[in-house]
């Protein structure tokens, strides 16, 4: 009796593993209509084109505003003198 059960369970596993790829392949074809089948497709998107030119790009901008420092310092001389020349 147990030998028949082992043979049947092995046969069921064999069928499950061999038929699984076939079932997946068949079900993947049931996804609905494709764009070509209905006769409608989206129109192409318009695009703006321009000729390519080589030029230098300046990385700067102009703005109006106020700048405030996060920290401040006070510069003082160690002696009272005037700097006449730098070395």
N, C-alpha and C. Protein backbone atom coordinates (compact mmCIF):
# COMPACT_ATOMS: atom_id res chain seq x y z
N UNK A 1 0.82 -1.19 0.00
CA UNK A 1 0.00 0.00 0.00
C UNK A 1 0.86 1.26 0.00
N UNK A 2 1.90 1.31 0.84
CA UNK A 2 2.73 2.49 0.94
C UNK A 2 3.56 2.68 -0.34
N UNK A 3 3.87 1.56 -1.03
CA UNK A 3 4.62 1.66 -2.28
C UNK A 3 3.77 2.34 -3.34
N UNK A 4 2.49 2.06 -3.37
CA UNK A 4 1.58 2.69 -4.34
C UNK A 4 1.47 4.19 -4.03
N UNK A 5 1.41 4.55 -2.75
CA UNK A 5 1.31 5.96 -2.36
C UNK A 5 2.59 6.70 -2.76
N UNK A 6 3.74 6.07 -2.58
CA UNK A 6 5.00 6.70 -2.97
C UNK A 6 5.06 6.91 -4.47
N UNK A 7 4.62 5.92 -5.24
CA UNK A 7 4.62 6.03 -6.70
C UNK A 7 3.66 7.12 -7.15
N UNK A 8 2.46 7.17 -6.54
CA UNK A 8 1.48 8.20 -6.90
C UNK A 8 1.98 9.60 -6.54
N UNK A 9 2.59 9.76 -5.37
CA UNK A 9 3.08 11.07 -4.97
C UNK A 9 4.24 11.51 -5.87
N UNK A 10 5.10 10.55 -6.26
CA UNK A 10 6.18 10.89 -7.18
C UNK A 10 5.62 11.29 -8.54
N UNK A 11 4.58 10.62 -9.00
CA UNK A 11 3.95 10.93 -10.28
C UNK A 11 3.30 12.32 -10.23
N UNK A 12 2.64 12.64 -9.12
CA UNK A 12 2.00 13.96 -8.99
C UNK A 12 3.05 15.06 -8.97
N UNK A 13 4.16 14.83 -8.26
CA UNK A 13 5.23 15.82 -8.26
C UNK A 13 5.83 15.98 -9.65
N UNK A 14 6.00 14.89 -10.36
CA UNK A 14 6.52 14.94 -11.72
C UNK A 14 5.60 15.77 -12.61
N UNK A 15 4.29 15.54 -12.51
CA UNK A 15 3.35 16.31 -13.32
C UNK A 15 3.36 17.79 -12.93
N UNK A 16 3.46 18.05 -11.64
CA UNK A 16 3.45 19.45 -11.19
C UNK A 16 4.68 20.20 -11.71
N UNK A 17 5.86 19.60 -11.62
CA UNK A 17 7.07 20.28 -12.06
C UNK A 17 7.18 20.38 -13.58
N UNK A 18 6.68 19.40 -14.30
CA UNK A 18 6.79 19.45 -15.76
C UNK A 18 5.70 20.30 -16.39
N UNK A 19 4.55 20.38 -15.77
CA UNK A 19 3.46 21.16 -16.38
C UNK A 19 3.46 22.61 -15.91
N UNK A 20 4.20 22.95 -14.88
CA UNK A 20 4.22 24.32 -14.37
C UNK A 20 4.72 25.32 -15.42
N UNK A 21 5.82 25.07 -16.13
CA UNK A 21 6.24 26.03 -17.15
C UNK A 21 5.21 26.18 -18.28
N UNK A 22 4.52 25.10 -18.61
CA UNK A 22 3.50 25.17 -19.66
C UNK A 22 2.33 26.03 -19.20
N UNK A 23 1.91 25.86 -17.96
CA UNK A 23 0.80 26.64 -17.43
C UNK A 23 1.17 28.12 -17.36
N UNK A 24 2.39 28.42 -16.92
CA UNK A 24 2.84 29.81 -16.84
C UNK A 24 2.89 30.42 -18.23
N UNK A 25 3.38 29.70 -19.21
CA UNK A 25 3.45 30.21 -20.58
C UNK A 25 2.06 30.47 -21.14
N UNK A 26 1.12 29.59 -20.86
CA UNK A 26 -0.23 29.78 -21.37
C UNK A 26 -0.92 30.96 -20.70
N UNK A 27 -0.74 31.10 -19.40
CA UNK A 27 -1.38 32.20 -18.68
C UNK A 27 -0.77 33.55 -19.00
N UNK A 28 0.49 33.58 -19.38
CA UNK A 28 1.11 34.86 -19.71
C UNK A 28 0.55 35.43 -21.00
N UNK A 29 -0.01 34.61 -21.84
CA UNK A 29 -0.62 35.09 -23.08
C UNK A 29 -2.02 35.63 -22.87
N UNK A 30 -2.57 35.52 -21.67
CA UNK A 30 -3.93 35.97 -21.40
C UNK A 30 -3.94 37.36 -20.78
N UNK A 31 -3.00 38.22 -21.13
CA UNK A 31 -2.87 39.52 -20.50
C UNK A 31 -3.82 40.57 -21.04
N UNK A 32 -4.59 40.32 -22.02
CA UNK A 32 -5.49 41.31 -22.58
C UNK A 32 -5.06 41.72 -23.97
N UNK A 33 -5.68 42.79 -24.46
CA UNK A 33 -5.38 43.23 -25.82
C UNK A 33 -4.09 44.03 -25.84
N UNK A 34 -3.40 43.94 -26.94
CA UNK A 34 -2.20 44.72 -27.15
C UNK A 34 -2.58 45.95 -27.97
N UNK A 35 -1.68 46.95 -28.04
CA UNK A 35 -1.99 48.19 -28.74
C UNK A 35 -2.23 47.95 -30.23
N UNK A 36 -1.49 47.03 -30.83
CA UNK A 36 -1.66 46.77 -32.25
C UNK A 36 -2.96 46.05 -32.57
N UNK A 37 -3.47 45.28 -31.64
CA UNK A 37 -4.68 44.51 -31.89
C UNK A 37 -5.91 45.41 -31.92
N UNK A 38 -5.92 46.51 -31.15
CA UNK A 38 -7.10 47.36 -31.10
C UNK A 38 -7.09 48.39 -32.22
N UNK A 39 -5.97 48.58 -32.91
CA UNK A 39 -5.91 49.53 -34.00
C UNK A 39 -5.60 50.94 -33.53
N UNK A 40 -5.40 51.17 -32.25
CA UNK A 40 -5.10 52.50 -31.73
C UNK A 40 -3.73 52.50 -31.07
N UNK A 41 -2.97 53.53 -31.35
CA UNK A 41 -1.70 53.72 -30.65
C UNK A 41 -1.54 55.21 -30.38
N UNK A 42 -0.78 55.51 -29.36
CA UNK A 42 -0.58 56.91 -28.98
C UNK A 42 0.20 57.64 -30.07
N UNK A 43 -0.15 58.89 -30.35
CA UNK A 43 0.60 59.65 -31.35
C UNK A 43 2.00 59.97 -30.83
N UNK A 44 2.95 60.21 -31.71
CA UNK A 44 4.30 60.52 -31.24
C UNK A 44 4.32 61.86 -30.52
N UNK A 45 5.18 61.95 -29.50
CA UNK A 45 5.31 63.19 -28.73
C UNK A 45 6.13 64.20 -29.53
N UNK A 46 5.71 65.47 -29.57
CA UNK A 46 6.50 66.48 -30.28
C UNK A 46 7.80 66.77 -29.51
N UNK A 47 8.85 67.07 -30.24
CA UNK A 47 10.15 67.35 -29.63
C UNK A 47 10.73 68.59 -30.28
N UNK A 48 11.38 69.43 -29.47
CA UNK A 48 12.04 70.62 -29.98
C UNK A 48 13.52 70.30 -30.17
N UNK A 49 14.06 70.62 -31.32
CA UNK A 49 15.46 70.33 -31.60
C UNK A 49 16.18 71.62 -31.95
N UNK A 50 17.48 71.65 -31.74
CA UNK A 50 18.31 72.80 -32.11
C UNK A 50 19.68 72.28 -32.48
N UNK A 51 20.40 73.04 -33.31
CA UNK A 51 21.73 72.58 -33.71
C UNK A 51 22.71 72.65 -32.53
N UNK A 52 23.68 71.77 -32.54
CA UNK A 52 24.68 71.70 -31.48
C UNK A 52 25.80 72.67 -31.79
N UNK A 53 26.18 73.51 -30.80
CA UNK A 53 27.29 74.44 -30.97
C UNK A 53 28.22 74.30 -29.77
N UNK A 54 29.51 74.48 -30.01
CA UNK A 54 30.51 74.43 -28.96
C UNK A 54 30.71 75.85 -28.45
N UNK A 55 30.55 76.06 -27.15
CA UNK A 55 30.74 77.38 -26.56
C UNK A 55 31.10 77.24 -25.09
N UNK A 56 31.60 78.32 -24.51
CA UNK A 56 31.98 78.34 -23.11
C UNK A 56 30.76 78.72 -22.28
N UNK A 57 30.57 78.01 -21.18
CA UNK A 57 29.46 78.29 -20.29
C UNK A 57 30.02 78.93 -19.02
N UNK A 58 29.56 80.14 -18.70
CA UNK A 58 30.01 80.82 -17.49
C UNK A 58 29.10 80.43 -16.33
N UNK A 59 29.71 80.00 -15.25
CA UNK A 59 28.95 79.58 -14.08
C UNK A 59 28.86 80.75 -13.11
N UNK A 60 27.93 81.67 -13.35
CA UNK A 60 27.76 82.83 -12.48
C UNK A 60 26.31 83.28 -12.54
N UNK A 61 25.95 84.10 -11.56
CA UNK A 61 24.61 84.68 -11.56
C UNK A 61 24.67 86.03 -10.85
N UNK A 62 23.71 86.87 -11.12
CA UNK A 62 23.62 88.17 -10.48
C UNK A 62 22.36 88.20 -9.63
N UNK A 63 22.49 88.80 -8.44
CA UNK A 63 21.35 88.88 -7.54
C UNK A 63 21.44 90.14 -6.70
N UNK A 64 20.32 90.58 -6.21
CA UNK A 64 20.26 91.72 -5.32
C UNK A 64 19.84 91.21 -3.95
N UNK A 65 20.57 91.62 -2.91
CA UNK A 65 20.21 91.15 -1.58
C UNK A 65 21.17 91.65 -0.53
N UNK A 66 21.08 91.08 0.64
CA UNK A 66 21.94 91.44 1.77
C UNK A 66 22.67 90.20 2.24
N UNK A 67 23.97 90.38 2.53
CA UNK A 67 24.77 89.27 3.04
C UNK A 67 25.09 89.55 4.49
N UNK A 68 24.91 88.57 5.34
CA UNK A 68 25.22 88.71 6.76
C UNK A 68 26.08 87.52 7.17
N UNK A 69 27.19 87.81 7.84
CA UNK A 69 28.10 86.76 8.27
C UNK A 69 27.52 85.99 9.45
N UNK A 70 27.84 84.71 9.52
CA UNK A 70 27.41 83.88 10.64
C UNK A 70 28.22 84.22 11.89
N UNK A 71 29.53 84.44 11.70
CA UNK A 71 30.43 84.79 12.80
C UNK A 71 31.18 86.06 12.43
N UNK A 72 31.71 86.74 13.43
CA UNK A 72 32.48 87.96 13.17
C UNK A 72 33.74 87.96 14.03
N UNK A 73 34.73 88.76 13.60
CA UNK A 73 35.98 88.91 14.36
C UNK A 73 36.32 90.39 14.43
N UNK A 74 37.17 90.71 15.35
CA UNK A 74 37.69 92.07 15.46
C UNK A 74 39.20 92.00 15.27
N UNK A 75 39.71 92.76 14.31
CA UNK A 75 41.13 92.77 14.02
C UNK A 75 41.75 93.99 14.71
N UNK A 76 42.71 93.72 15.55
CA UNK A 76 43.43 94.81 16.25
C UNK A 76 44.92 94.57 16.11
N UNK A 77 45.69 95.63 16.17
CA UNK A 77 47.14 95.49 16.08
C UNK A 77 47.71 95.23 17.47
N UNK A 78 48.87 94.59 17.52
CA UNK A 78 49.52 94.32 18.80
C UNK A 78 50.25 95.55 19.32
N UNK A 79 50.70 96.37 18.38
CA UNK A 79 51.37 97.61 18.78
C UNK A 79 50.77 98.75 17.98
N UNK A 80 50.91 99.95 18.50
CA UNK A 80 50.44 101.12 17.77
C UNK A 80 51.53 101.56 16.81
N UNK A 81 51.34 101.26 15.52
CA UNK A 81 52.33 101.65 14.50
C UNK A 81 51.65 101.69 13.16
N UNK A 82 52.40 102.19 12.20
CA UNK A 82 51.90 102.28 10.83
C UNK A 82 52.75 101.39 9.95
N UNK A 83 52.13 100.61 9.08
CA UNK A 83 52.87 99.76 8.15
C UNK A 83 53.27 100.62 6.97
N UNK A 84 54.59 100.73 6.74
CA UNK A 84 55.10 101.54 5.64
C UNK A 84 55.38 100.70 4.40
N UNK A 85 55.77 99.41 4.59
CA UNK A 85 56.09 98.55 3.46
C UNK A 85 55.96 97.11 3.91
N UNK A 86 55.70 96.24 2.94
CA UNK A 86 55.63 94.82 3.20
C UNK A 86 56.88 94.13 2.71
N UNK A 87 57.34 93.08 3.38
CA UNK A 87 58.59 92.42 2.94
C UNK A 87 58.45 91.73 1.60
